[in-house]
Amino acid sequence: MSTANVRSQLDKRLRDTFREIIDGKNVKRSKHDLMFAGIDVSNVFIDEMDKKNYLPTTVADVPCEYGERVPAFYLEEGEAFFGWVFWENFTQRRLRKLFGSVVKDEKGEWAIHIPEGSLKIIYANKALKLEMDVDHPFEL
């Protein structure tokens, strides 16, 4: 088998794996390493997200009403974090819109949380908006 064929097969397997992660198919979407043989392949993951309509945006630009959630990924240092953009009851009188990862910290809170005012880029699929239980956002 030629080097080109091996590379082609590796690229196909990598892209297939990334599609499964993005779809949440056969793989639980959480935190995923985007390093392959010591090489950051985030660009391949971004390409596959684009094909699945996960487009670059900010939390503020994701159309999401109270009681809804939008699936999204946040990429940082060769890792992809899956989570949701949603409105949280921050206090009894204050709501806040944010991206919260499904990965939790030692306190059981979102390991990655990006508030609406942040300019950090996330990749969201606005067409896959779902309803959510606003009283139990940790169960996302």
Protein backbone atom coordinates (compact mmCIF):
# COMPACT_ATOMS: atom_id res chain seq x y z
CA MET A 1 0.00 0.00 0.00
CA SER A 2 1.39 3.40 -0.94
CA THR A 3 1.99 6.24 1.51
CA ALA A 4 -0.74 8.24 -0.24
CA ASN A 5 -3.23 5.39 0.28
CA VAL A 6 -2.33 5.10 3.96
CA ARG A 7 -2.75 8.86 4.42
CA SER A 8 -6.08 8.75 2.59
CA GLN A 9 -7.36 5.91 4.80
CA LEU A 10 -6.17 7.67 7.98
CA ASP A 11 -7.85 10.90 6.86
CA LYS A 12 -11.10 9.02 6.18
CA ARG A 13 -11.00 7.27 9.58
CA LEU A 14 -10.23 10.55 11.36
CA ARG A 15 -13.08 12.34 9.59
CA ASP A 16 -15.49 9.45 10.28
CA THR A 17 -14.57 9.59 13.97
CA PHE A 18 -15.04 13.35 14.08
CA ARG A 19 -18.47 13.05 12.42
CA GLU A 20 -19.50 10.51 15.08
CA ILE A 21 -18.37 12.90 17.83
CA ILE A 22 -20.19 15.85 16.26
CA ASP A 23 -23.39 13.83 15.83
CA GLY A 24 -23.09 12.19 19.25
CA LYS A 25 -23.34 8.87 17.44
CA ASN A 26 -21.57 5.87 18.99
CA VAL A 27 -19.50 8.37 21.01
CA LYS A 28 -20.59 10.42 23.99
CA ARG A 29 -20.06 14.09 23.24
CA SER A 30 -17.95 15.60 26.01
CA LYS A 31 -14.26 16.55 25.92
CA HIS A 32 -12.29 15.21 22.96
CA ASP A 33 -8.59 15.31 22.22
CA LEU A 34 -7.86 16.74 18.76
CA MET A 35 -4.23 15.64 18.70
CA PHE A 36 -3.35 12.80 16.33
CA ALA A 37 0.16 11.36 16.36
CA GLY A 38 1.38 14.55 18.03
CA ILE A 39 -0.27 16.81 15.45
CA ASP A 40 -3.16 19.18 16.24
CA VAL A 41 -5.94 18.24 13.81
CA SER A 42 -8.40 20.88 15.01
CA ASN A 43 -8.62 22.18 11.44
CA VAL A 44 -10.03 18.82 10.32
CA PHE A 45 -12.55 18.88 13.17
CA ILE A 46 -13.59 22.44 12.22
CA ASP A 47 -14.01 21.33 8.60
CA GLU A 48 -16.28 18.45 9.67
CA MET A 49 -18.26 20.74 12.01
CA ASP A 50 -18.81 23.12 9.08
CA LYS A 51 -20.25 20.24 7.04
CA LYS A 52 -22.68 19.55 9.92
CA ASN A 53 -23.69 23.24 10.20
CA TYR A 54 -21.76 23.91 13.40
CA LEU A 55 -20.64 27.39 12.44
CA PRO A 56 -18.34 29.85 14.21
CA THR A 57 -20.18 32.39 16.33
CA THR A 58 -20.30 33.94 19.79
CA VAL A 59 -22.71 33.09 22.59
CA ALA A 60 -24.42 36.46 22.09
CA ASP A 61 -25.11 35.68 18.43
CA VAL A 62 -26.76 32.30 19.04
CA PRO A 63 -30.56 32.72 18.80
CA CYS A 64 -31.82 31.04 21.93
CA GLU A 65 -34.85 31.85 24.07
CA TYR A 66 -35.35 31.05 27.75
CA GLY A 67 -36.21 27.33 27.95
CA GLU A 68 -34.19 26.42 24.86
CA ARG A 69 -30.69 25.10 24.32
CA VAL A 70 -28.45 25.00 21.25
CA PRO A 71 -25.66 22.42 20.83
CA ALA A 72 -22.16 23.82 20.44
CA PHE A 73 -18.45 23.03 20.66
CA TYR A 74 -15.68 25.16 22.10
CA LEU A 75 -12.11 24.46 20.96
CA GLU A 76 -9.14 25.20 23.20
CA GLU A 77 -5.53 24.05 22.95
CA GLY A 78 -6.17 20.96 20.85
CA GLU A 79 -9.32 19.90 22.68
CA ALA A 80 -12.99 20.13 21.77
CA PHE A 81 -15.57 20.62 24.52
CA PHE A 82 -19.20 19.84 23.76
CA GLY A 83 -21.87 21.84 25.52
CA TRP A 84 -24.97 23.94 25.16
CA VAL A 85 -25.88 27.60 24.79
CA PHE A 86 -28.82 28.35 27.08
CA TRP A 87 -30.27 30.78 29.61
CA GLU A 88 -29.49 30.07 33.26
CA ASN A 89 -31.31 31.34 36.34
CA PHE A 90 -28.16 32.89 37.78
CA THR A 91 -30.10 34.33 40.73
CA GLN A 92 -33.82 34.62 41.40
CA ARG A 93 -33.85 37.99 39.66
CA ARG A 94 -31.13 37.57 37.08
CA LEU A 95 -30.87 35.41 33.99
CA ARG A 96 -27.70 34.93 32.02
CA LYS A 97 -27.07 33.39 28.62
CA LEU A 98 -24.01 31.20 28.40
CA PHE A 99 -22.22 28.24 26.88
CA GLY A 100 -21.81 25.48 29.45
CA SER A 101 -19.77 22.36 28.73
CA VAL A 102 -21.13 18.93 29.57
CA VAL A 103 -17.78 18.32 31.26
CA LYS A 104 -18.06 19.31 34.91
CA ASP A 105 -15.46 20.50 37.40
CA GLU A 106 -14.89 19.10 40.89
CA LYS A 107 -17.84 21.14 42.22
CA GLY A 108 -20.19 19.68 39.62
CA GLU A 109 -20.40 22.92 37.67
CA TRP A 110 -19.51 23.51 34.02
CA ALA A 111 -15.77 23.08 33.51
CA ILE A 112 -16.04 25.54 30.61
CA HIS A 113 -18.56 28.34 30.80
CA ILE A 114 -18.55 31.25 28.41
CA PRO A 115 -20.87 34.17 29.17
CA GLU A 116 -22.85 36.07 26.58
CA GLY A 117 -20.50 39.06 26.70
CA SER A 118 -17.42 37.04 25.73
CA LEU A 119 -15.92 37.31 22.27
CA LYS A 120 -14.65 33.70 22.39
CA ILE A 121 -15.62 31.69 19.33
CA ILE A 122 -17.84 28.66 19.69
CA TYR A 123 -19.26 26.46 16.93
CA ALA A 124 -23.02 26.14 17.20
CA ASN A 125 -25.70 24.43 15.14
CA LYS A 126 -28.64 26.81 15.49
CA ALA A 127 -30.95 24.43 13.60
CA LEU A 128 -30.67 21.76 16.32
CA LYS A 129 -32.25 23.88 19.06
CA LEU A 130 -34.05 21.84 21.75
CA GLU A 131 -36.30 22.56 24.70
CA MET A 132 -34.75 22.22 28.17
CA ASP A 133 -35.78 22.06 31.81
CA VAL A 134 -34.64 25.46 33.12
CA ASP A 135 -34.88 24.22 36.71
CA HIS A 136 -32.28 21.50 36.08
CA PRO A 137 -29.62 22.91 33.71
CA PHE A 138 -26.90 20.68 35.17
CA GLU A 139 -28.70 17.71 33.64
CA LEU A 140 -28.06 18.94 30.09
